[in-house]
N, C-alpha and C. Protein backbone atom coordinates (compact mmCIF):
# COMPACT_ATOMS: atom_id res chain seq x y z
N MET A 1 -22.27 3.55 -66.26
CA MET A 1 -21.44 4.73 -66.17
C MET A 1 -21.40 5.32 -64.76
N ASN A 2 -22.39 5.03 -64.00
CA ASN A 2 -22.39 5.54 -62.63
C ASN A 2 -21.46 4.73 -61.72
N ARG A 3 -21.08 3.60 -62.15
CA ARG A 3 -20.26 2.71 -61.34
C ARG A 3 -18.93 3.32 -60.92
N PRO A 4 -18.15 3.91 -61.78
CA PRO A 4 -16.86 4.48 -61.36
C PRO A 4 -17.01 5.60 -60.32
N SER A 5 -18.04 6.40 -60.38
CA SER A 5 -18.19 7.48 -59.40
C SER A 5 -18.57 6.93 -58.02
N VAL A 6 -19.33 5.84 -58.00
CA VAL A 6 -19.69 5.21 -56.73
C VAL A 6 -18.45 4.61 -56.09
N ASN A 7 -17.61 3.96 -56.86
CA ASN A 7 -16.38 3.36 -56.34
C ASN A 7 -15.44 4.43 -55.78
N ARG A 8 -15.38 5.59 -56.46
CA ARG A 8 -14.52 6.68 -55.97
C ARG A 8 -15.00 7.19 -54.62
N SER A 9 -16.31 7.32 -54.43
CA SER A 9 -16.82 7.81 -53.15
C SER A 9 -16.59 6.78 -52.04
N LEU A 10 -16.71 5.49 -52.35
CA LEU A 10 -16.43 4.45 -51.35
C LEU A 10 -14.95 4.42 -51.02
N ASN A 11 -14.11 4.56 -52.03
CA ASN A 11 -12.67 4.57 -51.80
C ASN A 11 -12.25 5.80 -51.01
N ALA A 12 -12.92 6.92 -51.21
CA ALA A 12 -12.59 8.13 -50.48
C ALA A 12 -13.05 8.03 -49.02
N ALA A 13 -14.12 7.31 -48.78
CA ALA A 13 -14.65 7.18 -47.42
C ALA A 13 -13.84 6.17 -46.60
N LEU A 14 -13.12 5.27 -47.24
CA LEU A 14 -12.37 4.24 -46.53
C LEU A 14 -11.29 4.84 -45.62
N PRO A 15 -10.45 5.76 -46.04
CA PRO A 15 -9.47 6.34 -45.10
C PRO A 15 -10.13 7.10 -43.94
N VAL A 16 -11.28 7.71 -44.20
CA VAL A 16 -11.98 8.42 -43.12
C VAL A 16 -12.46 7.41 -42.08
N ARG A 17 -12.99 6.29 -42.52
CA ARG A 17 -13.44 5.26 -41.59
C ARG A 17 -12.26 4.68 -40.81
N GLN A 18 -11.17 4.44 -41.49
CA GLN A 18 -9.98 3.92 -40.81
C GLN A 18 -9.48 4.92 -39.77
N PHE A 19 -9.49 6.19 -40.12
CA PHE A 19 -9.05 7.22 -39.20
C PHE A 19 -9.97 7.29 -37.98
N LEU A 20 -11.28 7.20 -38.21
CA LEU A 20 -12.23 7.22 -37.10
C LEU A 20 -12.07 5.99 -36.20
N PHE A 21 -11.86 4.83 -36.82
CA PHE A 21 -11.65 3.61 -36.04
C PHE A 21 -10.37 3.71 -35.23
N LEU A 22 -9.31 4.22 -35.85
CA LEU A 22 -8.04 4.39 -35.15
C LEU A 22 -8.19 5.37 -33.99
N GLY A 23 -8.91 6.46 -34.22
CA GLY A 23 -9.13 7.44 -33.16
C GLY A 23 -9.93 6.86 -32.00
N MET A 24 -10.94 6.09 -32.32
CA MET A 24 -11.75 5.47 -31.27
C MET A 24 -10.93 4.44 -30.48
N ALA A 25 -10.12 3.66 -31.16
CA ALA A 25 -9.27 2.69 -30.48
C ALA A 25 -8.27 3.40 -29.57
N LEU A 26 -7.72 4.51 -30.02
CA LEU A 26 -6.79 5.28 -29.22
C LEU A 26 -7.47 5.86 -27.97
N LEU A 27 -8.66 6.38 -28.13
CA LEU A 27 -9.40 6.93 -26.99
C LEU A 27 -9.74 5.85 -25.96
N LEU A 28 -10.16 4.69 -26.45
CA LEU A 28 -10.46 3.59 -25.53
C LEU A 28 -9.20 3.12 -24.79
N THR A 29 -8.08 3.08 -25.50
CA THR A 29 -6.82 2.67 -24.88
C THR A 29 -6.41 3.68 -23.81
N LEU A 30 -6.53 4.96 -24.11
CA LEU A 30 -6.19 5.99 -23.14
C LEU A 30 -7.11 5.93 -21.92
N ALA A 31 -8.40 5.72 -22.14
CA ALA A 31 -9.35 5.62 -21.02
C ALA A 31 -9.02 4.41 -20.14
N ALA A 32 -8.70 3.28 -20.76
CA ALA A 32 -8.34 2.09 -19.99
C ALA A 32 -7.04 2.33 -19.21
N GLY A 33 -6.09 3.00 -19.82
CA GLY A 33 -4.84 3.31 -19.13
C GLY A 33 -5.05 4.24 -17.95
N LEU A 34 -5.89 5.23 -18.09
CA LEU A 34 -6.19 6.14 -16.98
C LEU A 34 -6.92 5.42 -15.85
N PHE A 35 -7.83 4.53 -16.20
CA PHE A 35 -8.53 3.75 -15.19
C PHE A 35 -7.56 2.86 -14.42
N TYR A 36 -6.66 2.20 -15.13
CA TYR A 36 -5.67 1.34 -14.49
C TYR A 36 -4.74 2.16 -13.60
N TYR A 37 -4.32 3.33 -14.07
CA TYR A 37 -3.44 4.19 -13.29
C TYR A 37 -4.12 4.66 -12.00
N SER A 38 -5.38 5.04 -12.08
CA SER A 38 -6.09 5.49 -10.88
C SER A 38 -6.30 4.34 -9.91
N TRP A 39 -6.57 3.15 -10.42
CA TRP A 39 -6.74 1.97 -9.57
C TRP A 39 -5.42 1.64 -8.88
N GLN A 40 -4.32 1.69 -9.62
CA GLN A 40 -3.00 1.39 -9.07
C GLN A 40 -2.62 2.42 -8.01
N THR A 41 -2.93 3.69 -8.23
CA THR A 41 -2.61 4.75 -7.29
C THR A 41 -3.40 4.56 -5.99
N ALA A 42 -4.67 4.21 -6.10
CA ALA A 42 -5.49 3.99 -4.91
C ALA A 42 -4.97 2.79 -4.13
N ARG A 43 -4.58 1.76 -4.82
CA ARG A 43 -4.05 0.57 -4.17
C ARG A 43 -2.74 0.88 -3.45
N LEU A 44 -1.90 1.68 -4.08
CA LEU A 44 -0.63 2.06 -3.48
C LEU A 44 -0.86 2.95 -2.25
N ALA A 45 -1.84 3.83 -2.32
CA ALA A 45 -2.16 4.70 -1.18
C ALA A 45 -2.64 3.86 0.01
N ASP A 46 -3.45 2.84 -0.23
CA ASP A 46 -3.90 1.97 0.84
C ASP A 46 -2.73 1.21 1.46
N GLN A 47 -1.81 0.77 0.61
CA GLN A 47 -0.65 0.03 1.09
C GLN A 47 0.25 0.93 1.94
N VAL A 48 0.46 2.17 1.49
CA VAL A 48 1.29 3.10 2.25
C VAL A 48 0.64 3.43 3.59
N ALA A 49 -0.68 3.59 3.61
CA ALA A 49 -1.38 3.88 4.86
C ALA A 49 -1.24 2.71 5.84
N ALA A 50 -1.33 1.49 5.35
CA ALA A 50 -1.18 0.32 6.22
C ALA A 50 0.24 0.23 6.76
N GLN A 51 1.23 0.49 5.92
CA GLN A 51 2.62 0.45 6.36
C GLN A 51 2.91 1.55 7.37
N THR A 52 2.34 2.73 7.15
CA THR A 52 2.53 3.83 8.08
C THR A 52 1.93 3.51 9.45
N ALA A 53 0.76 2.92 9.46
CA ALA A 53 0.13 2.53 10.72
C ALA A 53 0.97 1.49 11.44
N LEU A 54 1.52 0.53 10.70
CA LEU A 54 2.34 -0.51 11.30
C LEU A 54 3.62 0.09 11.87
N LEU A 55 4.26 0.99 11.12
CA LEU A 55 5.48 1.64 11.61
C LEU A 55 5.21 2.48 12.85
N THR A 56 4.08 3.17 12.88
CA THR A 56 3.72 3.96 14.05
C THR A 56 3.54 3.07 15.26
N GLN A 57 2.90 1.93 15.07
CA GLN A 57 2.70 0.99 16.18
C GLN A 57 4.04 0.43 16.67
N ILE A 58 4.92 0.10 15.76
CA ILE A 58 6.23 -0.44 16.14
C ILE A 58 7.04 0.61 16.89
N GLN A 59 7.03 1.85 16.39
CA GLN A 59 7.77 2.91 17.06
C GLN A 59 7.22 3.20 18.45
N ALA A 60 5.90 3.15 18.59
CA ALA A 60 5.30 3.37 19.92
C ALA A 60 5.69 2.25 20.88
N THR A 61 5.72 1.03 20.39
CA THR A 61 6.12 -0.10 21.23
C THR A 61 7.57 0.03 21.65
N ARG A 62 8.43 0.40 20.71
CA ARG A 62 9.85 0.57 21.04
C ARG A 62 10.05 1.72 22.02
N ALA A 63 9.32 2.79 21.84
CA ALA A 63 9.45 3.93 22.74
C ALA A 63 9.02 3.55 24.15
N SER A 64 7.93 2.82 24.30
CA SER A 64 7.50 2.40 25.63
C SER A 64 8.48 1.41 26.24
N THR A 65 9.09 0.58 25.42
CA THR A 65 10.09 -0.36 25.91
C THR A 65 11.31 0.38 26.42
N LEU A 66 11.74 1.40 25.68
CA LEU A 66 12.89 2.19 26.11
C LEU A 66 12.60 2.95 27.39
N VAL A 67 11.38 3.45 27.52
CA VAL A 67 11.01 4.16 28.74
C VAL A 67 11.02 3.20 29.93
N LYS A 68 10.50 2.01 29.73
CA LYS A 68 10.50 1.01 30.81
C LYS A 68 11.92 0.60 31.17
N ALA A 69 12.80 0.49 30.18
CA ALA A 69 14.18 0.11 30.43
C ALA A 69 14.93 1.22 31.15
N ALA A 70 14.54 2.46 30.96
CA ALA A 70 15.23 3.58 31.59
C ALA A 70 14.81 3.77 33.04
N GLU A 71 13.70 3.19 33.47
CA GLU A 71 13.25 3.31 34.86
C GLU A 71 14.19 2.53 35.77
N PRO A 72 14.39 2.99 37.00
CA PRO A 72 15.19 2.21 37.95
C PRO A 72 14.53 0.86 38.22
N ALA A 73 15.33 -0.11 38.60
CA ALA A 73 14.84 -1.48 38.78
C ALA A 73 13.82 -1.58 39.90
N GLY A 74 13.98 -0.82 40.95
CA GLY A 74 13.05 -0.88 42.08
C GLY A 74 11.67 -0.39 41.70
N GLN A 75 11.59 0.66 40.90
CA GLN A 75 10.30 1.19 40.48
C GLN A 75 9.59 0.23 39.53
N ARG A 76 10.35 -0.39 38.68
CA ARG A 76 9.75 -1.29 37.70
C ARG A 76 9.15 -2.51 38.38
N SER A 77 9.87 -3.12 39.29
CA SER A 77 9.36 -4.35 39.90
C SER A 77 8.16 -4.06 40.79
N ALA A 78 8.16 -2.91 41.45
CA ALA A 78 7.04 -2.56 42.32
C ALA A 78 5.81 -2.18 41.51
N ALA A 79 6.02 -1.54 40.38
CA ALA A 79 4.89 -1.06 39.59
C ALA A 79 4.29 -2.16 38.72
N ASN A 80 5.10 -3.05 38.23
CA ASN A 80 4.62 -4.01 37.24
C ASN A 80 4.18 -5.35 37.83
N THR A 81 4.65 -5.70 39.02
CA THR A 81 4.31 -7.01 39.56
C THR A 81 3.60 -6.86 40.88
N SER A 82 2.76 -7.79 41.16
CA SER A 82 2.07 -7.80 42.44
C SER A 82 2.81 -8.74 43.38
N PRO A 83 2.58 -8.66 44.68
CA PRO A 83 3.28 -9.53 45.63
C PRO A 83 3.01 -11.02 45.38
N ALA A 84 1.85 -11.34 44.84
CA ALA A 84 1.54 -12.74 44.60
C ALA A 84 2.43 -13.32 43.51
N THR A 85 2.79 -12.55 42.51
CA THR A 85 3.63 -13.08 41.45
C THR A 85 5.10 -13.02 41.82
N VAL A 86 5.50 -12.15 42.72
CA VAL A 86 6.89 -12.10 43.14
C VAL A 86 7.26 -13.39 43.86
N ASP A 87 6.34 -13.96 44.62
CA ASP A 87 6.61 -15.21 45.33
C ASP A 87 6.75 -16.39 44.37
N ASN A 88 6.08 -16.32 43.23
CA ASN A 88 6.10 -17.43 42.28
C ASN A 88 7.32 -17.42 41.37
N VAL A 89 8.08 -16.34 41.35
CA VAL A 89 9.22 -16.23 40.44
C VAL A 89 10.38 -17.04 41.00
N ALA A 90 10.95 -17.91 40.18
CA ALA A 90 12.09 -18.72 40.59
C ALA A 90 13.35 -17.86 40.54
N PRO A 91 14.28 -18.04 41.46
CA PRO A 91 15.52 -17.25 41.43
C PRO A 91 16.33 -17.62 40.19
N GLN A 92 16.97 -16.60 39.63
CA GLN A 92 17.77 -16.83 38.43
C GLN A 92 19.14 -17.36 38.83
N GLN A 93 19.64 -18.28 38.05
CA GLN A 93 20.93 -18.84 38.31
C GLN A 93 21.99 -17.91 37.73
N ARG A 94 23.04 -17.62 38.49
CA ARG A 94 24.10 -16.72 38.04
C ARG A 94 25.40 -17.51 37.91
N TRP A 95 26.09 -17.21 36.86
CA TRP A 95 27.37 -17.86 36.60
C TRP A 95 28.48 -16.86 36.88
N VAL A 96 29.46 -17.29 37.62
CA VAL A 96 30.63 -16.46 37.94
C VAL A 96 31.86 -17.20 37.44
N PHE A 97 32.64 -16.54 36.64
CA PHE A 97 33.84 -17.17 36.08
C PHE A 97 35.07 -16.61 36.74
């Protein structure tokens, strides 16, 4: 006679166990998702920092090139080359049409 009451208590506990298992699975999924999101964000931040550094270097190189191009030709050749290398430079061939 005790058998039906035991079965009822086990049957009543089954949905509670399923609910607890479902809740635990949901919490673990959310924790894994947050971990992945934080990892992805850190990786993206590192990538943006590297790209920013590269762009800064490229812009600085272009700026110095433009400054050198804006200098008069006499100042550039005197400042950048020594007399020993001026003698070694071959004359450029010019085409006139």
